[in-house]
Amino acid sequence: MKTYLNTLLIATAIVLTALIFSNAFKNRNKTNNSISVTGLGKKDFVSDLIVWSGYFTKKNMNLKEAYAELDKDRENIKAYLISKGIKSEAIVFSAVDINKEFEDTYDNSGNKVKSVFTGYRLNQNVQIESNEVDKTEGISRQVSELINSGVEFYSNNPQYYYTKLSELKIEMIADATRDANIRANKIAENAGGEVGRLKNANMGIFQIVAQNSSEDFSWGGSFNTTSKRKTATITIKLEYEID
């Protein structure tokens, strides 16, 4: 009896194993019965907002006099910018930064002997944020006029931005999705199948680089602010079932 039961169990196990392998063979392609494609959305655009800044400085042994000289320069800078067509409300001055400066002397062994106070150095930043990109850009290139008038002014490179970035990104996502769908249908058609249900969708990195440049893309996403004319790209990865 025991031998009969053992034989029955073994036979049952063989049948179940055969059924499992048969089912696996029939469905061996189901897990792979899908296709993944990547679509690209790309847009060229021109920045509509510029941020330009610089700073000016004065040095004097007397702090009160240094302040008075800096105030004079500030008024001259503001008047100059307004004369160039910059609106008064677009001009923002920062708080004054004050530093005591010293001149150190050393002996022949390189040890500091003494520090002599040489005066107060006052610095102040000015920033312009404007939608008049071309006008502000032109003024940033003419700062030598301020320097020639006696103002110790140091200009930074303008930074360029786009205020409709959210709308642009939505358009690009739609373009990338259409591109991916076209690719999927073309691949399925060439393989004798049809695109079925969308299984998964993933958005890639959003990148902004200078137009017609060799600027590198970044895995974390590039965001160029140094060029007025830019190119934005985004990728969408779609996974479809194939019928």
C-alpha atoms as a PDB file:
ATOM      1  CA  MET A   1       0.000   0.000   0.000  1.00  0.00           C
ATOM      2  CA  LYS A   2       2.799   2.332   0.924  1.00  0.00           C
ATOM      3  CA  THR A   3       4.567   1.615  -2.361  1.00  0.00           C
ATOM      4  CA  TYR A   4       1.329   2.356  -4.252  1.00  0.00           C
ATOM      5  CA  LEU A   5       0.932   5.733  -2.496  1.00  0.00           C
ATOM      6  CA  ASN A   6       4.531   6.666  -3.203  1.00  0.00           C
ATOM      7  CA  THR A   7       4.088   5.755  -6.855  1.00  0.00           C
ATOM      8  CA  LEU A   8       0.864   7.799  -7.012  1.00  0.00           C
ATOM      9  CA  LEU A   9       2.553  10.844  -5.465  1.00  0.00           C
ATOM     10  CA  ILE A  10       5.480  10.636  -7.848  1.00  0.00           C
ATOM     11  CA  ALA A  11       3.147  10.305 -10.832  1.00  0.00           C
ATOM     12  CA  THR A  12       1.112  13.270  -9.644  1.00  0.00           C
ATOM     13  CA  ALA A  13       4.257  15.346  -9.195  1.00  0.00           C
ATOM     14  CA  ILE A  14       5.417  14.478 -12.711  1.00  0.00           C
ATOM     15  CA  VAL A  15       2.043  15.500 -14.163  1.00  0.00           C
ATOM     16  CA  LEU A  16       2.018  18.814 -12.238  1.00  0.00           C
ATOM     17  CA  THR A  17       5.586  19.552 -13.268  1.00  0.00           C
ATOM     18  CA  ALA A  18       4.716  18.864 -16.896  1.00  0.00           C
ATOM     19  CA  LEU A  19       1.691  21.175 -16.666  1.00  0.00           C
ATOM     20  CA  ILE A  20       3.798  23.948 -15.120  1.00  0.00           C
ATOM     21  CA  PHE A  21       6.457  23.701 -17.817  1.00  0.00           C
ATOM     22  CA  SER A  22       3.797  23.508 -20.524  1.00  0.00           C
ATOM     23  CA  ASN A  23       2.109  26.663 -19.227  1.00  0.00           C
ATOM     24  CA  ALA A  24       5.466  28.434 -18.953  1.00  0.00           C
ATOM     25  CA  PHE A  25       6.253  27.466 -22.537  1.00  0.00           C
ATOM     26  CA  LYS A  26       2.926  28.777 -23.799  1.00  0.00           C
ATOM     27  CA  ASN A  27       3.354  32.106 -21.952  1.00  0.00           C
ATOM     28  CA  ARG A  28       7.078  32.472 -22.434  1.00  0.00           C
ATOM     29  CA  ASN A  29       6.618  35.599 -24.568  1.00  0.00           C
ATOM     30  CA  LYS A  30       3.919  37.321 -22.548  1.00  0.00           C
ATOM     31  CA  THR A  31       6.361  39.087 -20.251  1.00  0.00           C
ATOM     32  CA  ASN A  32       8.210  40.358 -23.311  1.00  0.00           C
ATOM     33  CA  ASN A  33       5.066  41.179 -25.291  1.00  0.00           C
ATOM     34  CA  SER A  34       5.675  44.918 -24.912  1.00  0.00           C
ATOM     35  CA  ILE A  35       7.720  47.673 -26.423  1.00  0.00           C
ATOM     36  CA  SER A  36       9.550  50.632 -24.859  1.00  0.00           C
ATOM     37  CA  VAL A  37      10.243  53.780 -26.858  1.00  0.00           C
ATOM     38  CA  THR A  38      11.694  57.190 -26.052  1.00  0.00           C
ATOM     39  CA  GLY A  39      10.269  60.371 -27.582  1.00  0.00           C
ATOM     40  CA  LEU A  40      11.983  63.748 -27.791  1.00  0.00           C
ATOM     41  CA  GLY A  41      10.497  67.192 -27.337  1.00  0.00           C
ATOM     42  CA  LYS A  42      12.670  70.117 -28.448  1.00  0.00           C
ATOM     43  CA  LYS A  43      12.051  73.872 -28.578  1.00  0.00           C
ATOM     44  CA  ASP A  44      14.177  76.902 -29.460  1.00  0.00           C
ATOM     45  CA  PHE A  45      13.239  80.107 -27.650  1.00  0.00           C
ATOM     46  CA  VAL A  46      14.507  83.573 -26.816  1.00  0.00           C
ATOM     47  CA  SER A  47      14.737  84.767 -23.211  1.00  0.00           C
ATOM     48  CA  ASP A  48      12.222  87.415 -22.184  1.00  0.00           C
ATOM     49  CA  LEU A  49      13.784  88.441 -18.868  1.00  0.00           C
ATOM     50  CA  ILE A  50      17.273  89.747 -18.126  1.00  0.00           C
ATOM     51  CA  VAL A  51      18.969  90.199 -14.765  1.00  0.00           C
ATOM     52  CA  TRP A  52      22.083  92.327 -14.809  1.00  0.00           C
ATOM     53  CA  SER A  53      24.122  93.342 -11.775  1.00  0.00           C
ATOM     54  CA  GLY A  54      27.341  95.053 -10.820  1.00  0.00           C
ATOM     55  CA  TYR A  55      28.952  96.667  -7.845  1.00  0.00           C
ATOM     56  CA  PHE A  56      30.742  99.916  -7.058  1.00  0.00           C
ATOM     57  CA  THR A  57      33.252 100.680  -4.339  1.00  0.00           C
ATOM     58  CA  LYS A  58      34.888 103.497  -2.406  1.00  0.00           C
ATOM     59  CA  LYS A  59      37.766 103.567   0.060  1.00  0.00           C
ATOM     60  CA  ASN A  60      38.575 106.256   2.607  1.00  0.00           C
ATOM     61  CA  MET A  61      40.302 106.512   5.945  1.00  0.00           C
ATOM     62  CA  ASN A  62      37.216 108.289   7.259  1.00  0.00           C
ATOM     63  CA  LEU A  63      34.054 106.146   7.323  1.00  0.00           C
ATOM     64  CA  LYS A  64      31.700 109.120   7.061  1.00  0.00           C
ATOM     65  CA  GLU A  65      33.508 110.443   4.026  1.00  0.00           C
ATOM     66  CA  ALA A  66      33.532 106.988   2.437  1.00  0.00           C
ATOM     67  CA  TYR A  67      29.750 106.859   2.865  1.00  0.00           C
ATOM     68  CA  ALA A  68      29.324 110.299   1.322  1.00  0.00           C
ATOM     69  CA  GLU A  69      31.447 109.328  -1.700  1.00  0.00           C
ATOM     70  CA  LEU A  70      29.531 106.084  -2.148  1.00  0.00           C
ATOM     71  CA  ASP A  71      26.209 107.954  -1.936  1.00  0.00           C
ATOM     72  CA  LYS A  72      27.378 110.280  -4.696  1.00  0.00           C
ATOM     73  CA  ASP A  73      28.329 107.344  -6.918  1.00  0.00           C
ATOM     74  CA  ARG A  74      24.994 105.651  -6.245  1.00  0.00           C
ATOM     75  CA  GLU A  75      23.074 108.715  -7.366  1.00  0.00           C
ATOM     76  CA  ASN A  76      25.264 109.045 -10.470  1.00  0.00           C
ATOM     77  CA  ILE A  77      24.683 105.375 -11.368  1.00  0.00           C
ATOM     78  CA  LYS A  78      20.929 105.676 -10.889  1.00  0.00           C
ATOM     79  CA  ALA A  79      20.768 108.846 -12.982  1.00  0.00           C
ATOM     80  CA  TYR A  80      22.876 107.231 -15.699  1.00  0.00           C
ATOM     81  CA  LEU A  81      20.654 104.134 -15.895  1.00  0.00           C
ATOM     82  CA  ILE A  82      17.459 106.181 -15.974  1.00  0.00           C
ATOM     83  CA  SER A  83      18.924 108.369 -18.747  1.00  0.00           C
ATOM     84  CA  LYS A  84      19.458 105.165 -20.748  1.00  0.00           C
ATOM     85  CA  GLY A  85      15.784 104.234 -20.425  1.00  0.00           C
ATOM     86  CA  ILE A  86      15.836 101.931 -17.412  1.00  0.00           C
ATOM     87  CA  LYS A  87      12.784 102.365 -15.194  1.00  0.00           C
ATOM     88  CA  SER A  88      13.496 103.561 -11.668  1.00  0.00           C
ATOM     89  CA  GLU A  89      11.578 100.662 -10.062  1.00  0.00           C
ATOM     90  CA  ALA A  90      13.748  98.149 -11.939  1.00  0.00           C
ATOM     91  CA  ILE A  91      16.913  99.430 -10.232  1.00  0.00           C
ATOM     92  CA  VAL A  92      17.606  97.773  -6.880  1.00  0.00           C
ATOM     93  CA  PHE A  93      20.542  98.686  -4.618  1.00  0.00           C
ATOM     94  CA  SER A  94      21.707  96.327  -1.904  1.00  0.00           C
ATOM     95  CA  ALA A  95      22.810  97.226   1.608  1.00  0.00           C
ATOM     96  CA  VAL A  96      26.318  98.682   1.908  1.00  0.00           C
ATOM     97  CA  ASP A  97      29.086  96.222   2.750  1.00  0.00           C
ATOM     98  CA  ILE A  98      31.818  97.703   4.991  1.00  0.00           C
ATOM     99  CA  ASN A  99      35.287  96.238   5.419  1.00  0.00           C
ATOM    100  CA  LYS A 100      38.318  97.468   7.320  1.00  0.00           C
ATOM    101  CA  GLU A 101      41.442  96.958   5.233  1.00  0.00           C
ATOM    102  CA  PHE A 102      44.956  96.464   6.576  1.00  0.00           C
ATOM    103  CA  GLU A 103      48.395  96.198   5.060  1.00  0.00           C
ATOM    104  CA  ASP A 104      50.581  93.529   6.668  1.00  0.00           C
ATOM    105  CA  THR A 105      54.375  93.710   6.909  1.00  0.00           C
ATOM    106  CA  TYR A 106      56.625  90.667   7.409  1.00  0.00           C
ATOM    107  CA  ASP A 107      60.202  90.045   8.505  1.00  0.00           C
ATOM    108  CA  ASN A 108      62.805  88.080   6.556  1.00  0.00           C
ATOM    109  CA  SER A 109      61.539  84.821   8.092  1.00  0.00           C
ATOM    110  CA  GLY A 110      58.025  85.385   6.814  1.00  0.00           C
ATOM    111  CA  ASN A 111      56.567  86.238  10.211  1.00  0.00           C
ATOM    112  CA  LYS A 112      54.015  89.028  10.350  1.00  0.00           C
ATOM    113  CA  VAL A 113      55.456  92.039  12.130  1.00  0.00           C
ATOM    114  CA  LYS A 114      52.478  94.388  12.115  1.00  0.00           C
ATOM    115  CA  SER A 115      49.221  95.313  10.404  1.00  0.00           C
ATOM    116  CA  VAL A 116      48.587  98.902   9.399  1.00  0.00           C
ATOM    117  CA  PHE A 117      45.011 100.125   8.905  1.00  0.00           C
ATOM    118  CA  THR A 118      44.678 101.526   5.371  1.00  0.00           C
ATOM    119  CA  GLY A 119      41.043 102.576   5.345  1.00  0.00           C
ATOM    120  CA  TYR A 120      37.409 101.574   5.083  1.00  0.00           C
ATOM    121  CA  ARG A 121      36.340  99.783   1.908  1.00  0.00           C
ATOM    122  CA  LEU A 122      32.638 100.216   1.105  1.00  0.00           C
ATOM    123  CA  ASN A 123      30.934  98.109  -1.551  1.00  0.00           C
ATOM    124  CA  GLN A 124      27.369  98.231  -2.835  1.00  0.00           C
ATOM    125  CA  ASN A 125      25.602  96.076  -5.414  1.00  0.00           C
ATOM    126  CA  VAL A 126      23.078  97.256  -7.974  1.00  0.00           C
ATOM    127  CA  GLN A 127      20.771  94.931  -9.881  1.00  0.00           C
ATOM    128  CA  ILE A 128      18.413  95.462 -12.786  1.00  0.00           C
ATOM    129  CA  GLU A 129      15.635  93.014 -13.613  1.00  0.00           C
ATOM    130  CA  SER A 130      13.826  93.870 -16.815  1.00  0.00           C
ATOM    131  CA  ASN A 131      11.724  92.472 -19.657  1.00  0.00           C
ATOM    132  CA  GLU A 132      13.481  94.911 -21.988  1.00  0.00           C
ATOM    133  CA  VAL A 133      16.187  92.389 -22.718  1.00  0.00           C
ATOM    134  CA  ASP A 134      17.908  94.024 -25.692  1.00  0.00           C
ATOM    135  CA  LYS A 135      17.988  97.474 -24.102  1.00  0.00           C
ATOM    136  CA  THR A 136      19.424  96.246 -20.797  1.00  0.00           C
ATOM    137  CA  GLU A 137      21.905  94.020 -22.594  1.00  0.00           C
ATOM    138  CA  GLY A 138      23.151  97.024 -24.574  1.00  0.00           C
ATOM    139  CA  ILE A 139      23.578  99.125 -21.413  1.00  0.00           C
ATOM    140  CA  SER A 140      25.583  96.337 -19.753  1.00  0.00           C
ATOM    141  CA  ARG A 141      28.104  96.674 -22.570  1.00  0.00           C
ATOM    142  CA  GLN A 142      28.439 100.425 -22.143  1.00  0.00           C
ATOM    143  CA  VAL A 143      29.537 100.556 -18.488  1.00  0.00           C
ATOM    144  CA  SER A 144      32.851 102.086 -19.527  1.00  0.00           C
ATOM    145  CA  GLU A 145      30.898 105.353 -19.701  1.00  0.00           C
ATOM    146  CA  LEU A 146      30.329 105.100 -15.944  1.00  0.00           C
ATOM    147  CA  ILE A 147      33.980 104.290 -15.299  1.00  0.00           C
ATOM    148  CA  ASN A 148      35.079 107.256 -17.401  1.00  0.00           C
ATOM    149  CA  SER A 149      32.873 109.495 -15.258  1.00  0.00           C
ATOM    150  CA  GLY A 150      34.885 108.500 -12.179  1.00  0.00           C
ATOM    151  CA  VAL A 151      32.724 105.702 -10.770  1.00  0.00           C
ATOM    152  CA  GLU A 152      34.666 102.564  -9.783  1.00  0.00           C
ATOM    153  CA  PHE A 153      32.104 100.171 -11.215  1.00  0.00           C
ATOM    154  CA  TYR A 154      32.453  96.435 -11.874  1.00  0.00           C
ATOM    155  CA  SER A 155      29.903  94.763 -14.129  1.00  0.00           C
ATOM    156  CA  ASN A 156      28.768  91.133 -14.001  1.00  0.00           C
ATOM    157  CA  ASN A 157      27.618  89.176 -17.037  1.00  0.00           C
ATOM    158  CA  PRO A 158      23.860  89.379 -17.630  1.00  0.00           C
ATOM    159  CA  GLN A 159      21.699  86.363 -16.756  1.00  0.00           C
ATOM    160  CA  TYR A 160      18.857  85.418 -19.102  1.00  0.00           C
ATOM    161  CA  TYR A 161      15.578  83.740 -18.130  1.00  0.00           C
ATOM    162  CA  TYR A 162      12.213  82.806 -19.643  1.00  0.00           C
ATOM    163  CA  THR A 163       9.026  83.621 -17.768  1.00  0.00           C
ATOM    164  CA  LYS A 164       6.793  81.189 -19.719  1.00  0.00           C
ATOM    165  CA  LEU A 165       8.865  78.115 -18.904  1.00  0.00           C
ATOM    166  CA  SER A 166       5.944  76.162 -17.401  1.00  0.00           C
ATOM    167  CA  GLU A 167       3.838  76.557 -20.557  1.00  0.00           C
ATOM    168  CA  LEU A 168       6.834  75.690 -22.732  1.00  0.00           C
ATOM    169  CA  LYS A 169       7.480  72.522 -20.729  1.00  0.00           C
ATOM    170  CA  ILE A 170       3.865  71.346 -21.151  1.00  0.00           C
ATOM    171  CA  GLU A 171       4.117  71.843 -24.932  1.00  0.00           C
ATOM    172  CA  MET A 172       7.368  69.885 -25.018  1.00  0.00           C
ATOM    173  CA  ILE A 173       5.925  66.995 -22.994  1.00  0.00           C
ATOM    174  CA  ALA A 174       3.068  66.769 -25.516  1.00  0.00           C
ATOM    175  CA  ASP A 175       5.553  66.818 -28.422  1.00  0.00           C
ATOM    176  CA  ALA A 176       7.738  64.154 -26.813  1.00  0.00           C
ATOM    177  CA  THR A 177       4.706  61.942 -26.125  1.00  0.00           C
ATOM    178  CA  ARG A 178       3.524  62.214 -29.757  1.00  0.00           C
ATOM    179  CA  ASP A 179       7.040  61.442 -30.963  1.00  0.00           C
ATOM    180  CA  ALA A 180       7.244  58.334 -28.757  1.00  0.00           C
ATOM    181  CA  ASN A 181       3.808  57.161 -29.917  1.00  0.00           C
ATOM    182  CA  ILE A 182       4.786  57.526 -33.577  1.00  0.00           C
ATOM    183  CA  ARG A 183       7.956  55.535 -32.982  1.00  0.00           C
ATOM    184  CA  ALA A 184       6.051  52.775 -31.166  1.00  0.00           C
ATOM    185  CA  ASN A 185       3.478  52.459 -33.956  1.00  0.00           C
ATOM    186  CA  LYS A 186       6.159  52.367 -36.641  1.00  0.00           C
ATOM    187  CA  ILE A 187       8.107  49.629 -34.825  1.00  0.00           C
ATOM    188  CA  ALA A 188       4.966  47.587 -34.197  1.00  0.00           C
ATOM    189  CA  GLU A 189       3.863  47.978 -37.827  1.00  0.00           C
ATOM    190  CA  ASN A 190       7.230  46.796 -39.131  1.00  0.00           C
ATOM    191  CA  ALA A 191       7.054  43.808 -36.757  1.00  0.00           C
ATOM    192  CA  GLY A 192       3.551  42.842 -37.889  1.00  0.00           C
ATOM    193  CA  GLY A 193       1.825  43.853 -34.658  1.00  0.00           C
ATOM    194  CA  GLU A 194      -0.253  46.684 -33.228  1.00  0.00           C
ATOM    195  CA  VAL A 195       0.297  49.019 -30.312  1.00  0.00           C
ATOM    196  CA  GLY A 196      -1.960  48.157 -27.419  1.00  0.00           C
ATOM    197  CA  ARG A 197      -2.517  49.546 -23.936  1.00  0.00           C
ATOM    198  CA  LEU A 198      -0.030  52.011 -22.462  1.00  0.00           C
ATOM    199  CA  LYS A 199       1.629  50.231 -19.539  1.00  0.00           C
ATOM    200  CA  ASN A 200       4.022  52.864 -18.238  1.00  0.00           C
ATOM    201  CA  ALA A 201       5.254  56.406 -18.869  1.00  0.00           C
ATOM    202  CA  ASN A 202       8.314  58.141 -17.467  1.00  0.00           C
ATOM    203  CA  MET A 203       9.500  61.684 -18.027  1.00  0.00           C
ATOM    204  CA  GLY A 204      13.237  62.220 -18.537  1.00  0.00           C
ATOM    205  CA  ILE A 205      15.449  65.159 -17.609  1.00  0.00           C
ATOM    206  CA  PHE A 206      14.464  68.673 -18.684  1.00  0.00           C
ATOM    207  CA  GLN A 207      17.474  70.467 -20.185  1.00  0.00           C
ATOM    208  CA  ILE A 208      18.132  74.042 -21.302  1.00  0.00           C
ATOM    209  CA  VAL A 209      21.335  74.813 -23.202  1.00  0.00           C
ATOM    210  CA  ALA A 210      22.575  77.611 -25.444  1.00  0.00           C
ATOM    211  CA  GLN A 211      21.448  77.415 -29.059  1.00  0.00           C
ATOM    212  CA  ASN A 212      23.943  76.013 -31.566  1.00  0.00           C
ATOM    213  CA  SER A 213      26.507  75.290 -28.873  1.00  0.00           C
ATOM    214  CA  SER A 214      28.564  72.300 -27.785  1.00  0.00           C
ATOM    215  CA  GLU A 215      27.330  72.717 -24.233  1.00  0.00           C
ATOM    216  CA  ASP A 216      27.200  69.380 -22.424  1.00  0.00           C
ATOM    217  CA  PHE A 217      23.975  67.871 -21.180  1.00  0.00           C
ATOM    218  CA  SER A 218      23.857  66.871 -17.521  1.00  0.00           C
ATOM    219  CA  TRP A 219      22.321  63.816 -15.885  1.00  0.00           C
ATOM    220  CA  GLY A 220      20.829  66.176 -13.323  1.00  0.00           C
ATOM    221  CA  GLY A 221      19.572  68.621 -15.962  1.00  0.00           C
ATOM    222  CA  SER A 222      21.254  71.715 -17.415  1.00  0.00           C
ATOM    223  CA  PHE A 223      19.782  75.167 -16.999  1.00  0.00           C
ATOM    224  CA  ASN A 224      21.673  77.732 -19.049  1.00  0.00           C
ATOM    225  CA  THR A 225      21.341  81.360 -17.923  1.00  0.00           C
ATOM    226  CA  THR A 226      24.269  82.891 -19.817  1.00  0.00           C
ATOM    227  CA  SER A 227      22.757  82.819 -23.329  1.00  0.00           C
ATOM    228  CA  LYS A 228      19.797  84.833 -24.571  1.00  0.00           C
ATOM    229  CA  ARG A 229      18.888  82.262 -27.228  1.00  0.00           C
ATOM    230  CA  LYS A 230      18.344  78.790 -25.830  1.00  0.00           C
ATOM    231  CA  THR A 231      17.244  75.282 -26.739  1.00  0.00           C
ATOM    232  CA  ALA A 232      15.129  73.210 -24.359  1.00  0.00           C
ATOM    233  CA  THR A 233      14.764  69.436 -24.602  1.00  0.00           C
ATOM    234  CA  ILE A 234      12.857  66.774 -22.719  1.00  0.00           C
ATOM    235  CA  THR A 235      12.392  63.026 -23.188  1.00  0.00           C
ATOM    236  CA  ILE A 236       9.416  60.790 -22.499  1.00  0.00           C
ATOM    237  CA  LYS A 237       9.764  57.003 -22.216  1.00  0.00           C
ATOM    238  CA  LEU A 238       6.587  55.034 -22.970  1.00  0.00           C
ATOM    239  CA  GLU A 239       5.973  51.302 -22.616  1.00  0.00           C
ATOM    240  CA  TYR A 240       3.137  49.754 -24.619  1.00  0.00           C
ATOM    241  CA  GLU A 241       1.611  46.320 -24.846  1.00  0.00           C
ATOM    242  CA  ILE A 242       1.866  44.786 -28.310  1.00  0.00           C
ATOM    243  CA  ASP A 243      -1.218  42.983 -29.721  1.00  0.00           C
END
